[in-house]
C-alpha cells in the first residue's frame, strides 16, 4: 500500500475513534434529557403506559452508545494489527489494550451501564403506581429484558478486544 495513503488512512481512523468517543458522551446526555422529559410527562398524567416511552428512549440511547463503542474498539484493533504491529507507528492501541486488561477500580464504564441501569429502575416508578397487575407484570418483563441486554452487552464488550484482535490477525495472515 502507498505510504502516503496508508498514513492518511491511519489518521482518518484515529480521528474516527476520537469523534465517536466524544459522540458517545453527547449521546448519553441527549438520551438522559429525552428520558427525563418523558419521565416527567409520565408522572404528570401520561398514564402508566407512557413508561414504555421512557423505556424506549433508554433502549435506543443505550443501543446507539453500544454501537459506537463496538465500532471504536473494532477500528482500534484494525489499527493495532495492520499498522502498529508492523512497528511503524506509535503503539497507542496496543498500550491501551494492555492497560485495559487490569481492573483500574476507577468505575469507568464505556457503555455507561450503571447510568442506564439507574434510569431503568427509576423508570419503573410510574409502573408501580399503575396498580394493574397485568400491566405491572408486562412492564417489569420489558424492563427486565433491557436489564438483560445491558448485562449481555457488557459481557461482549469485555471480551471484544481480544476476539477482534484475533479475527484481524487471521485476516491479515490469510492475505
Protein backbone atom coordinates (compact mmCIF):
# COMPACT_ATOMS: atom_id res chain seq x y z
CA UNK A 1 0.00 0.00 0.00
CA UNK A 2 1.15 3.51 -0.76
CA UNK A 3 2.84 5.01 2.31
CA UNK A 4 1.07 8.34 1.93
CA UNK A 5 -2.31 6.65 1.52
CA UNK A 6 -1.56 4.37 4.45
CA UNK A 7 -0.72 7.33 6.69
CA UNK A 8 -3.90 9.14 5.61
CA UNK A 9 -5.99 6.06 6.42
CA UNK A 10 -4.37 5.77 9.85
CA UNK A 11 -5.04 9.43 10.63
CA UNK A 12 -8.64 9.21 9.41
CA UNK A 13 -9.34 6.14 11.52
CA UNK A 14 -7.76 7.69 14.63
CA UNK A 15 -9.96 10.75 14.04
CA UNK A 16 -12.99 8.47 13.75
CA UNK A 17 -12.16 6.90 17.10
CA UNK A 18 -11.82 10.34 18.70
CA UNK A 19 -15.07 11.63 17.21
CA UNK A 20 -17.09 8.55 18.10
CA UNK A 21 -15.74 8.61 21.63
CA UNK A 22 -16.95 12.17 22.02
CA UNK A 23 -20.26 11.32 20.35
CA UNK A 24 -20.93 8.59 22.94
CA UNK A 25 -20.86 11.12 25.76
CA UNK A 26 -23.00 13.60 23.84
CA UNK A 27 -25.46 10.84 23.04
CA UNK A 28 -25.65 9.83 26.69
CA UNK A 29 -26.53 13.37 27.74
CA UNK A 30 -29.14 13.72 24.96
CA UNK A 31 -30.66 10.37 25.92
CA UNK A 32 -30.89 11.32 29.58
CA UNK A 33 -32.51 14.66 28.77
CA UNK A 34 -35.06 13.00 26.46
CA UNK A 35 -35.73 10.30 29.04
CA UNK A 36 -36.15 12.85 31.86
CA UNK A 37 -38.69 14.79 29.81
CA UNK A 38 -40.57 11.58 29.05
CA UNK A 39 -40.44 10.55 32.71
CA UNK A 40 -41.79 13.89 33.95
CA UNK A 41 -44.59 13.79 31.39
CA UNK A 42 -45.43 10.26 32.52
CA UNK A 43 -45.64 11.36 36.15
CA UNK A 44 -47.74 14.41 35.23
CA UNK A 45 -50.54 12.35 33.78
CA UNK A 46 -49.20 10.47 30.81
CA UNK A 47 -50.54 7.28 32.31
CA UNK A 48 -48.57 4.18 33.18
CA UNK A 49 -48.36 3.13 29.55
CA UNK A 50 -46.13 6.16 28.97
CA UNK A 51 -43.44 4.37 31.00
CA UNK A 52 -42.84 2.33 27.85
CA UNK A 53 -41.93 5.57 26.07
CA UNK A 54 -39.24 6.25 28.64
CA UNK A 55 -38.02 2.68 28.32
CA UNK A 56 -37.76 3.04 24.55
CA UNK A 57 -35.72 6.24 24.93
CA UNK A 58 -33.32 4.42 27.26
CA UNK A 59 -33.08 1.38 24.98
CA UNK A 60 -32.45 3.49 21.88
CA UNK A 61 -29.81 5.56 23.65
CA UNK A 62 -28.05 2.50 25.03
CA UNK A 63 -28.03 0.72 21.68
CA UNK A 64 -26.56 3.78 19.98
CA UNK A 65 -23.84 4.14 22.64
CA UNK A 66 -23.13 0.41 22.39
CA UNK A 67 -22.86 0.51 18.59
CA UNK A 68 -20.44 3.43 18.76
CA UNK A 69 -18.33 1.65 21.38
CA UNK A 70 -18.17 -1.61 19.42
CA UNK A 71 -17.21 0.28 16.27
CA UNK A 72 -14.48 2.25 18.03
CA UNK A 73 -13.00 -0.89 19.54
CA UNK A 74 -13.08 -2.66 16.18
CA UNK A 75 -11.31 0.21 14.44
CA UNK A 76 -8.73 0.19 17.23
CA UNK A 77 -7.97 -3.49 16.73
CA UNK A 78 -7.68 -2.93 12.96
CA UNK A 79 -5.14 -0.19 13.56
CA UNK A 80 -3.30 -2.34 16.04
CA UNK A 81 -2.93 -5.28 13.65
CA UNK A 82 -2.43 -3.56 10.32
CA UNK A 83 -0.40 -0.56 11.48
CA UNK A 84 1.07 -0.80 14.96
CA UNK A 85 2.24 -4.40 14.87
CA UNK A 86 4.28 -3.53 11.80
CA UNK A 87 6.24 -1.24 14.12
CA UNK A 88 5.91 1.91 12.04
CA UNK A 89 3.54 3.88 14.22
CA UNK A 90 3.01 4.74 17.88
CA UNK A 91 1.68 1.86 19.93
CA UNK A 92 -1.40 3.59 21.31
CA UNK A 93 -3.83 0.75 20.61
CA UNK A 94 -1.52 -1.97 21.96
CA UNK A 95 -0.81 0.11 25.03
CA UNK A 96 -4.49 0.88 25.63
CA UNK A 97 -5.37 -2.80 25.28
CA UNK A 98 -2.65 -3.87 27.71
CA UNK A 99 -3.61 -1.14 30.14
CA UNK A 100 -7.28 -2.13 29.98
CA UNK A 101 -6.61 -5.76 30.92
CA UNK A 102 -6.16 -4.90 34.57
CA UNK A 103 -9.12 -3.60 36.56
CA UNK A 104 -8.42 0.01 37.41
CA UNK A 105 -11.06 0.44 40.08
CA UNK A 106 -11.93 3.83 38.63
CA UNK A 107 -15.54 2.85 37.99
CA UNK A 108 -15.44 3.94 34.37
CA UNK A 109 -17.77 2.09 32.06
CA UNK A 110 -17.59 2.92 28.33
CA UNK A 111 -21.20 1.79 27.90
CA UNK A 112 -22.43 3.91 30.83
CA UNK A 113 -24.21 0.80 32.07
CA UNK A 114 -24.76 1.98 35.67
CA UNK A 115 -26.37 5.17 34.40
CA UNK A 116 -28.71 3.31 32.05
CA UNK A 117 -29.50 0.77 34.79
CA UNK A 118 -30.37 3.57 37.21
CA UNK A 119 -32.66 5.14 34.61
CA UNK A 120 -34.22 1.74 34.08
CA UNK A 121 -35.00 1.34 37.78
CA UNK A 122 -36.34 4.88 38.13
CA UNK A 123 -38.48 4.33 35.05
CA UNK A 124 -40.33 1.60 36.97
CA UNK A 125 -41.78 4.13 39.44
CA UNK A 126 -44.83 5.03 37.32
CA UNK A 127 -45.33 1.34 36.59
CA UNK A 128 -45.62 0.62 40.30
CA UNK A 129 -48.18 3.39 40.64
CA UNK A 130 -50.41 1.80 37.99
CA UNK A 131 -51.97 -0.75 40.31
CA UNK A 132 -52.90 -3.07 37.43
CA UNK A 133 -51.19 -6.45 37.93
CA UNK A 134 -51.17 -7.46 34.26
CA UNK A 135 -49.69 -4.12 33.21
CA UNK A 136 -47.14 -4.21 36.02
CA UNK A 137 -46.06 -7.72 35.02
CA UNK A 138 -45.70 -6.74 31.35
CA UNK A 139 -43.77 -3.58 32.19
CA UNK A 140 -41.45 -5.36 34.61
CA UNK A 141 -40.79 -8.05 31.98
CA UNK A 142 -39.94 -5.41 29.37
CA UNK A 143 -37.64 -3.60 31.79
CA UNK A 144 -36.01 -6.90 32.78
CA UNK A 145 -35.38 -7.60 29.10
CA UNK A 146 -33.49 -4.33 28.83
CA UNK A 147 -31.53 -5.10 32.00
CA UNK A 148 -30.51 -8.42 30.45
CA UNK A 149 -29.45 -6.60 27.29
CA UNK A 150 -27.21 -4.29 29.33
CA UNK A 151 -25.56 -7.27 31.03
CA UNK A 152 -25.04 -9.12 27.73
CA UNK A 153 -23.60 -6.02 26.07
CA UNK A 154 -21.16 -5.53 28.94
CA UNK A 155 -20.05 -9.15 28.73
CA UNK A 156 -19.47 -8.85 24.99
CA UNK A 157 -17.65 -5.53 25.36
CA UNK A 158 -15.35 -7.07 27.97
CA UNK A 159 -14.23 -9.77 25.54
CA UNK A 160 -14.45 -7.85 22.28
CA UNK A 161 -10.88 -6.56 22.12
CA UNK A 162 -9.31 -10.00 22.31
CA UNK A 163 -11.81 -11.51 19.85
CA UNK A 164 -11.44 -8.71 17.32
CA UNK A 165 -7.66 -8.77 17.65
CA UNK A 166 -7.61 -12.47 16.81
CA UNK A 167 -10.02 -12.01 13.89
CA UNK A 168 -7.95 -9.20 12.37
CA UNK A 169 -4.75 -11.21 12.79
CA UNK A 170 -6.35 -14.13 10.93
CA UNK A 171 -7.48 -11.77 8.18
CA UNK A 172 -4.00 -10.31 7.87
CA UNK A 173 -2.37 -13.74 7.81
CA UNK A 174 -4.77 -15.00 5.15
CA UNK A 175 -3.61 -12.35 2.79
